[in-house]
Amino acid sequence: MDDDLDQALGAVGPRLRALRQQRETTLADLSTATGISVSTLSRLESGSRRPTLELLLPLARAHGVTLDELVDAPPTGDPRIHLRPVTRHGMIMLPLTRRAGGIQAYKLVIPAESRRRHPELKTHEGYEWLYVLNGRLRMVLGEHDLVLSPGEAAEFDTRVPHWFGAAGPEPVEFLSLFGTQGERAHLRAAPKPKDTAER
């Protein structure tokens, strides 16, 4: 039992670091939001400080996750995913994956009222694949200014300057798969049918 507890607590540090990096938050920003010192946060993330309930509660609140998600508690038999939306850069982000590291999945919504007319291009490490569900998505990628409609997808290296916005008066909804280490989304194609002439 003690081994299981040590293993669960040992995994909290990398999970905390992944959550912070995912949200593009610095240790100083997180310290301001939680009242926990930068050195304590750093030691928690590196695993050199054992997490306690009084440290985990404000961190869970700041990251918008439950304590269960922070410590990767075993499922209780309830299959529902309780989405907790987060607003970043004028977009509503609903995380669809719970695990730290690897490819992360999100549903993003850009509300109609937040149409940003002047793109502010950003870059960061990683690789992204997106698929438009509803509305029209304006995507500026390097020198390209594109509009994607429902059913269209795009895949790109996030080190290329990029920006997203609503291309019309209605909100736009899209799915995003993002890998911080540059993992690409691999799609498998069905094999070609054999040519009847070969039979």
C-alpha atoms as a PDB file:
ATOM      1  CA  MET A   1       0.000   0.000   0.000  1.00  0.00           C
ATOM      2  CA  ASP A   2       2.847   2.411   0.875  1.00  0.00           C
ATOM      3  CA  ASP A   3       4.475   1.690  -2.504  1.00  0.00           C
ATOM      4  CA  ASP A   4       1.245   2.638  -4.293  1.00  0.00           C
ATOM      5  CA  LEU A   5       1.021   5.885  -2.317  1.00  0.00           C
ATOM      6  CA  ASP A   6       4.669   6.765  -2.994  1.00  0.00           C
ATOM      7  CA  GLN A   7       4.174   6.017  -6.689  1.00  0.00           C
ATOM      8  CA  ALA A   8       1.024   8.187  -6.878  1.00  0.00           C
ATOM      9  CA  LEU A   9       2.683  11.093  -5.054  1.00  0.00           C
ATOM     10  CA  GLY A  10       5.844  10.734  -7.138  1.00  0.00           C
ATOM     11  CA  ALA A  11       3.811  11.238 -10.318  1.00  0.00           C
ATOM     12  CA  VAL A  12       2.299  14.523  -9.070  1.00  0.00           C
ATOM     13  CA  GLY A  13       5.408  16.605  -9.862  1.00  0.00           C
ATOM     14  CA  PRO A  14       5.567  15.827 -13.607  1.00  0.00           C
ATOM     15  CA  ARG A  15       1.772  16.263 -13.796  1.00  0.00           C
ATOM     16  CA  LEU A  16       2.009  19.713 -12.156  1.00  0.00           C
ATOM     17  CA  ARG A  17       4.787  20.757 -14.544  1.00  0.00           C
ATOM     18  CA  ALA A  18       2.805  19.549 -17.589  1.00  0.00           C
ATOM     19  CA  LEU A  19      -0.329  21.437 -16.455  1.00  0.00           C
ATOM     20  CA  ARG A  20       1.639  24.652 -15.922  1.00  0.00           C
ATOM     21  CA  GLN A  21       3.426  24.405 -19.273  1.00  0.00           C
ATOM     22  CA  GLN A  22       0.176  23.520 -21.041  1.00  0.00           C
ATOM     23  CA  ARG A  23      -1.350  26.744 -19.733  1.00  0.00           C
ATOM     24  CA  GLU A  24       1.813  28.729 -20.566  1.00  0.00           C
ATOM     25  CA  THR A  25       2.129  29.863 -16.931  1.00  0.00           C
ATOM     26  CA  THR A  26       5.428  30.702 -15.216  1.00  0.00           C
ATOM     27  CA  LEU A  27       6.345  29.571 -11.712  1.00  0.00           C
ATOM     28  CA  ALA A  28       6.172  33.234 -10.645  1.00  0.00           C
ATOM     29  CA  ASP A  29       2.609  33.580 -12.027  1.00  0.00           C
ATOM     30  CA  LEU A  30       1.557  30.381 -10.274  1.00  0.00           C
ATOM     31  CA  SER A  31       3.168  31.575  -7.035  1.00  0.00           C
ATOM     32  CA  THR A  32       1.127  34.798  -7.211  1.00  0.00           C
ATOM     33  CA  ALA A  33      -2.089  32.853  -7.885  1.00  0.00           C
ATOM     34  CA  THR A  34      -1.589  30.292  -5.087  1.00  0.00           C
ATOM     35  CA  GLY A  35       0.532  32.021  -2.439  1.00  0.00           C
ATOM     36  CA  ILE A  36       3.050  29.154  -2.640  1.00  0.00           C
ATOM     37  CA  SER A  37       6.683  30.219  -3.008  1.00  0.00           C
ATOM     38  CA  VAL A  38       8.474  29.749  -6.341  1.00  0.00           C
ATOM     39  CA  SER A  39      11.093  27.515  -4.684  1.00  0.00           C
ATOM     40  CA  THR A  40       8.396  25.246  -3.189  1.00  0.00           C
ATOM     41  CA  LEU A  41       6.620  25.027  -6.559  1.00  0.00           C
ATOM     42  CA  SER A  42       9.895  24.175  -8.266  1.00  0.00           C
ATOM     43  CA  ARG A  43      10.675  21.450  -5.703  1.00  0.00           C
ATOM     44  CA  LEU A  44       7.143  20.025  -6.057  1.00  0.00           C
ATOM     45  CA  GLU A  45       7.517  19.808  -9.838  1.00  0.00           C
ATOM     46  CA  SER A  46      10.957  18.197  -9.621  1.00  0.00           C
ATOM     47  CA  GLY A  47       9.735  15.676  -7.040  1.00  0.00           C
ATOM     48  CA  SER A  48      12.150  16.807  -4.313  1.00  0.00           C
ATOM     49  CA  ARG A  49       9.229  18.061  -2.160  1.00  0.00           C
ATOM     50  CA  ARG A  50       6.443  15.698  -1.103  1.00  0.00           C
ATOM     51  CA  PRO A  51       3.010  17.121  -2.009  1.00  0.00           C
ATOM     52  CA  THR A  52       0.599  17.780   0.842  1.00  0.00           C
ATOM     53  CA  LEU A  53      -3.115  18.566   0.838  1.00  0.00           C
ATOM     54  CA  GLU A  54      -2.538  22.235   1.740  1.00  0.00           C
ATOM     55  CA  LEU A  55      -0.250  22.579  -1.309  1.00  0.00           C
ATOM     56  CA  LEU A  56      -2.396  20.535  -3.701  1.00  0.00           C
ATOM     57  CA  LEU A  57      -5.709  22.305  -2.994  1.00  0.00           C
ATOM     58  CA  PRO A  58      -4.651  25.787  -4.227  1.00  0.00           C
ATOM     59  CA  LEU A  59      -2.746  24.210  -7.143  1.00  0.00           C
ATOM     60  CA  ALA A  60      -5.807  22.231  -8.258  1.00  0.00           C
ATOM     61  CA  ARG A  61      -7.881  25.425  -8.057  1.00  0.00           C
ATOM     62  CA  ALA A  62      -5.305  27.441 -10.027  1.00  0.00           C
ATOM     63  CA  HIS A  63      -5.080  24.795 -12.772  1.00  0.00           C
ATOM     64  CA  GLY A  64      -8.848  24.235 -12.909  1.00  0.00           C
ATOM     65  CA  VAL A  65      -8.594  20.503 -12.183  1.00  0.00           C
ATOM     66  CA  THR A  66      -9.785  18.245  -9.365  1.00  0.00           C
ATOM     67  CA  LEU A  67      -7.548  16.730  -6.696  1.00  0.00           C
ATOM     68  CA  ASP A  68      -8.322  13.329  -8.234  1.00  0.00           C
ATOM     69  CA  GLU A  69      -6.840  14.534 -11.521  1.00  0.00           C
ATOM     70  CA  LEU A  70      -3.701  15.856  -9.807  1.00  0.00           C
ATOM     71  CA  VAL A  71      -2.988  12.575  -8.031  1.00  0.00           C
ATOM     72  CA  ASP A  72      -4.410  10.394 -10.820  1.00  0.00           C
ATOM     73  CA  ALA A  73      -6.881   8.719  -8.478  1.00  0.00           C
ATOM     74  CA  PRO A  74      -8.313   5.426  -9.752  1.00  0.00           C
ATOM     75  CA  PRO A  75     -11.709   5.714 -11.472  1.00  0.00           C
ATOM     76  CA  THR A  76     -14.729   5.177  -9.246  1.00  0.00           C
ATOM     77  CA  GLY A  77     -16.872   3.521 -11.916  1.00  0.00           C
ATOM     78  CA  ASP A  78     -18.423   6.768 -13.201  1.00  0.00           C
ATOM     79  CA  PRO A  79     -17.529   6.948 -16.921  1.00  0.00           C
ATOM     80  CA  ARG A  80     -18.520  10.589 -17.347  1.00  0.00           C
ATOM     81  CA  ILE A  81     -15.841  13.164 -18.123  1.00  0.00           C
ATOM     82  CA  HIS A  82     -16.403  16.340 -16.136  1.00  0.00           C
ATOM     83  CA  LEU A  83     -15.101  19.044 -18.439  1.00  0.00           C
ATOM     84  CA  ARG A  84     -13.763  22.215 -16.858  1.00  0.00           C
ATOM     85  CA  PRO A  85     -13.524  24.997 -19.430  1.00  0.00           C
ATOM     86  CA  VAL A  86     -10.556  27.356 -19.303  1.00  0.00           C
ATOM     87  CA  THR A  87     -10.419  30.697 -21.133  1.00  0.00           C
ATOM     88  CA  ARG A  88      -7.105  31.520 -22.841  1.00  0.00           C
ATOM     89  CA  HIS A  89      -6.398  34.243 -25.420  1.00  0.00           C
ATOM     90  CA  GLY A  90     -10.135  34.855 -26.010  1.00  0.00           C
ATOM     91  CA  MET A  91     -10.843  31.137 -26.617  1.00  0.00           C
ATOM     92  CA  ILE A  92     -12.745  28.705 -24.413  1.00  0.00           C
ATOM     93  CA  MET A  93     -10.715  25.502 -24.079  1.00  0.00           C
ATOM     94  CA  LEU A  94     -12.267  22.236 -22.896  1.00  0.00           C
ATOM     95  CA  PRO A  95      -9.583  19.612 -22.187  1.00  0.00           C
ATOM     96  CA  LEU A  96     -10.682  16.197 -23.461  1.00  0.00           C
ATOM     97  CA  THR A  97      -7.685  14.312 -22.051  1.00  0.00           C
ATOM     98  CA  ARG A  98      -6.732  14.059 -18.402  1.00  0.00           C
ATOM     99  CA  ARG A  99      -3.242  12.613 -18.438  1.00  0.00           C
ATOM    100  CA  ALA A 100      -0.097  14.703 -18.261  1.00  0.00           C
ATOM    101  CA  GLY A 101       2.342  14.521 -21.164  1.00  0.00           C
ATOM    102  CA  GLY A 102       1.862  13.003 -24.603  1.00  0.00           C
ATOM    103  CA  ILE A 103      -0.712  14.244 -27.066  1.00  0.00           C
ATOM    104  CA  GLN A 104      -3.422  16.419 -25.503  1.00  0.00           C
ATOM    105  CA  ALA A 105      -6.928  16.800 -26.974  1.00  0.00           C
ATOM    106  CA  TYR A 106      -9.080  19.926 -26.656  1.00  0.00           C
ATOM    107  CA  LYS A 107     -12.353  21.296 -27.921  1.00  0.00           C
ATOM    108  CA  LEU A 108     -11.952  25.018 -28.533  1.00  0.00           C
ATOM    109  CA  VAL A 109     -14.675  27.623 -28.967  1.00  0.00           C
ATOM    110  CA  ILE A 110     -14.068  31.156 -30.175  1.00  0.00           C
ATOM    111  CA  PRO A 111     -17.196  33.155 -29.272  1.00  0.00           C
ATOM    112  CA  ALA A 112     -18.712  35.393 -31.953  1.00  0.00           C
ATOM    113  CA  GLU A 113     -18.351  38.506 -29.792  1.00  0.00           C
ATOM    114  CA  SER A 114     -14.614  37.972 -29.417  1.00  0.00           C
ATOM    115  CA  ARG A 115     -13.700  38.243 -33.092  1.00  0.00           C
ATOM    116  CA  ARG A 116     -10.154  39.516 -32.967  1.00  0.00           C
ATOM    117  CA  ARG A 117      -9.398  41.532 -36.075  1.00  0.00           C
ATOM    118  CA  HIS A 118      -5.645  42.011 -35.623  1.00  0.00           C
ATOM    119  CA  PRO A 119      -3.844  38.658 -35.442  1.00  0.00           C
ATOM    120  CA  GLU A 120      -1.162  38.382 -32.780  1.00  0.00           C
ATOM    121  CA  LEU A 121       0.933  35.477 -34.002  1.00  0.00           C
ATOM    122  CA  LYS A 122       2.529  33.210 -31.398  1.00  0.00           C
ATOM    123  CA  THR A 123       5.082  30.393 -31.523  1.00  0.00           C
ATOM    124  CA  HIS A 124       5.881  27.572 -29.115  1.00  0.00           C
ATOM    125  CA  GLU A 125       7.289  24.058 -29.161  1.00  0.00           C
ATOM    126  CA  GLY A 126       5.004  21.330 -30.412  1.00  0.00           C
ATOM    127  CA  TYR A 127       2.842  20.082 -33.235  1.00  0.00           C
ATOM    128  CA  GLU A 128      -0.911  20.640 -33.690  1.00  0.00           C
ATOM    129  CA  TRP A 129      -3.687  18.994 -35.656  1.00  0.00           C
ATOM    130  CA  LEU A 130      -7.114  20.643 -35.766  1.00  0.00           C
ATOM    131  CA  TYR A 131     -10.561  19.868 -37.189  1.00  0.00           C
ATOM    132  CA  VAL A 132     -13.387  22.423 -37.595  1.00  0.00           C
ATOM    133  CA  LEU A 133     -16.776  21.345 -36.216  1.00  0.00           C
ATOM    134  CA  ASN A 134     -18.945  24.480 -36.599  1.00  0.00           C
ATOM    135  CA  GLY A 135     -18.485  28.011 -37.891  1.00  0.00           C
ATOM    136  CA  ARG A 136     -15.573  29.233 -39.979  1.00  0.00           C
ATOM    137  CA  LEU A 137     -12.066  29.356 -38.545  1.00  0.00           C
ATOM    138  CA  ARG A 138      -9.580  31.964 -39.703  1.00  0.00           C
ATOM    139  CA  MET A 139      -6.070  30.579 -39.309  1.00  0.00           C
ATOM    140  CA  VAL A 140      -2.989  32.695 -39.922  1.00  0.00           C
ATOM    141  CA  LEU A 141       0.023  30.410 -40.295  1.00  0.00           C
ATOM    142  CA  GLY A 142       3.269  32.128 -41.220  1.00  0.00           C
ATOM    143  CA  GLU A 143       2.572  33.957 -44.496  1.00  0.00           C
ATOM    144  CA  HIS A 144      -0.696  32.076 -45.103  1.00  0.00           C
ATOM    145  CA  ASP A 145      -4.097  33.528 -44.169  1.00  0.00           C
ATOM    146  CA  LEU A 146      -6.638  30.699 -44.458  1.00  0.00           C
ATOM    147  CA  VAL A 147     -10.331  30.137 -43.709  1.00  0.00           C
ATOM    148  CA  LEU A 148     -11.365  26.604 -42.734  1.00  0.00           C
ATOM    149  CA  SER A 149     -14.986  25.442 -42.911  1.00  0.00           C
ATOM    150  CA  PRO A 150     -16.691  22.601 -41.009  1.00  0.00           C
ATOM    151  CA  GLY A 151     -15.124  19.267 -41.930  1.00  0.00           C
ATOM    152  CA  GLU A 152     -11.752  20.756 -42.880  1.00  0.00           C
ATOM    153  CA  ALA A 153      -8.553  19.953 -40.988  1.00  0.00           C
ATOM    154  CA  ALA A 154      -5.048  21.393 -40.706  1.00  0.00           C
ATOM    155  CA  GLU A 155      -1.766  20.075 -39.303  1.00  0.00           C
ATOM    156  CA  PHE A 156       1.279  22.230 -38.535  1.00  0.00           C
ATOM    157  CA  ASP A 157       4.447  22.740 -36.523  1.00  0.00           C
ATOM    158  CA  THR A 158       3.664  25.268 -33.758  1.00  0.00           C
ATOM    159  CA  ARG A 159       7.129  26.807 -34.095  1.00  0.00           C
ATOM    160  CA  VAL A 160       5.651  28.482 -37.197  1.00  0.00           C
ATOM    161  CA  PRO A 161       3.971  31.765 -36.091  1.00  0.00           C
ATOM    162  CA  HIS A 162       0.211  31.146 -35.904  1.00  0.00           C
ATOM    163  CA  TRP A 163      -3.110  32.633 -34.759  1.00  0.00           C
ATOM    164  CA  PHE A 164      -6.784  31.566 -34.719  1.00  0.00           C
ATOM    165  CA  GLY A 165      -9.956  33.640 -34.906  1.00  0.00           C
ATOM    166  CA  ALA A 166     -13.586  33.506 -36.020  1.00  0.00           C
ATOM    167  CA  ALA A 167     -13.898  34.206 -39.753  1.00  0.00           C
ATOM    168  CA  GLY A 168     -17.594  35.060 -39.601  1.00  0.00           C
ATOM    169  CA  PRO A 169     -20.216  36.536 -37.272  1.00  0.00           C
ATOM    170  CA  GLU A 170     -20.930  33.165 -35.622  1.00  0.00           C
ATOM    171  CA  PRO A 171     -18.831  31.298 -33.025  1.00  0.00           C
ATOM    172  CA  VAL A 172     -16.358  28.740 -34.308  1.00  0.00           C
ATOM    173  CA  GLU A 173     -15.822  25.325 -32.670  1.00  0.00           C
ATOM    174  CA  PHE A 174     -12.905  23.049 -33.452  1.00  0.00           C
ATOM    175  CA  LEU A 175     -11.021  20.075 -32.074  1.00  0.00           C
ATOM    176  CA  SER A 176      -7.295  20.258 -31.446  1.00  0.00           C
ATOM    177  CA  LEU A 177      -4.700  17.545 -30.860  1.00  0.00           C
ATOM    178  CA  PHE A 178      -1.494  19.015 -29.510  1.00  0.00           C
ATOM    179  CA  GLY A 179       1.847  17.411 -28.713  1.00  0.00           C
ATOM    180  CA  THR A 180       4.385  19.489 -26.762  1.00  0.00           C
ATOM    181  CA  GLN A 181       7.271  17.333 -27.939  1.00  0.00           C
ATOM    182  CA  GLY A 182       6.320  17.646 -31.609  1.00  0.00           C
ATOM    183  CA  GLU A 183       4.386  14.397 -31.925  1.00  0.00           C
ATOM    184  CA  ARG A 184       2.501  14.299 -35.208  1.00  0.00           C
ATOM    185  CA  ALA A 185      -0.995  12.913 -35.584  1.00  0.00           C
ATOM    186  CA  HIS A 186      -0.674   9.737 -37.635  1.00  0.00           C
ATOM    187  CA  LEU A 187      -3.623   8.818 -39.815  1.00  0.00           C
ATOM    188  CA  ARG A 188      -3.942   5.316 -41.219  1.00  0.00           C
ATOM    189  CA  ALA A 189      -5.270   4.925 -44.716  1.00  0.00           C
ATOM    190  CA  ALA A 190      -7.201   1.872 -45.859  1.00  0.00           C
ATOM    191  CA  PRO A 191      -5.244  -0.376 -48.246  1.00  0.00           C
ATOM    192  CA  LYS A 192      -5.959   0.123 -51.930  1.00  0.00           C
ATOM    193  CA  PRO A 193      -8.295  -2.473 -53.421  1.00  0.00           C
ATOM    194  CA  LYS A 194      -6.486  -4.945 -55.686  1.00  0.00           C
ATOM    195  CA  ASP A 195      -6.733  -4.239 -59.367  1.00  0.00           C
ATOM    196  CA  THR A 196      -9.167  -6.647 -61.059  1.00  0.00           C
ATOM    197  CA  ALA A 197      -6.622  -7.133 -63.869  1.00  0.00           C
ATOM    198  CA  GLU A 198      -4.261  -8.862 -61.376  1.00  0.00           C
ATOM    199  CA  ARG A 199      -6.804 -11.611 -60.660  1.00  0.00           C
END
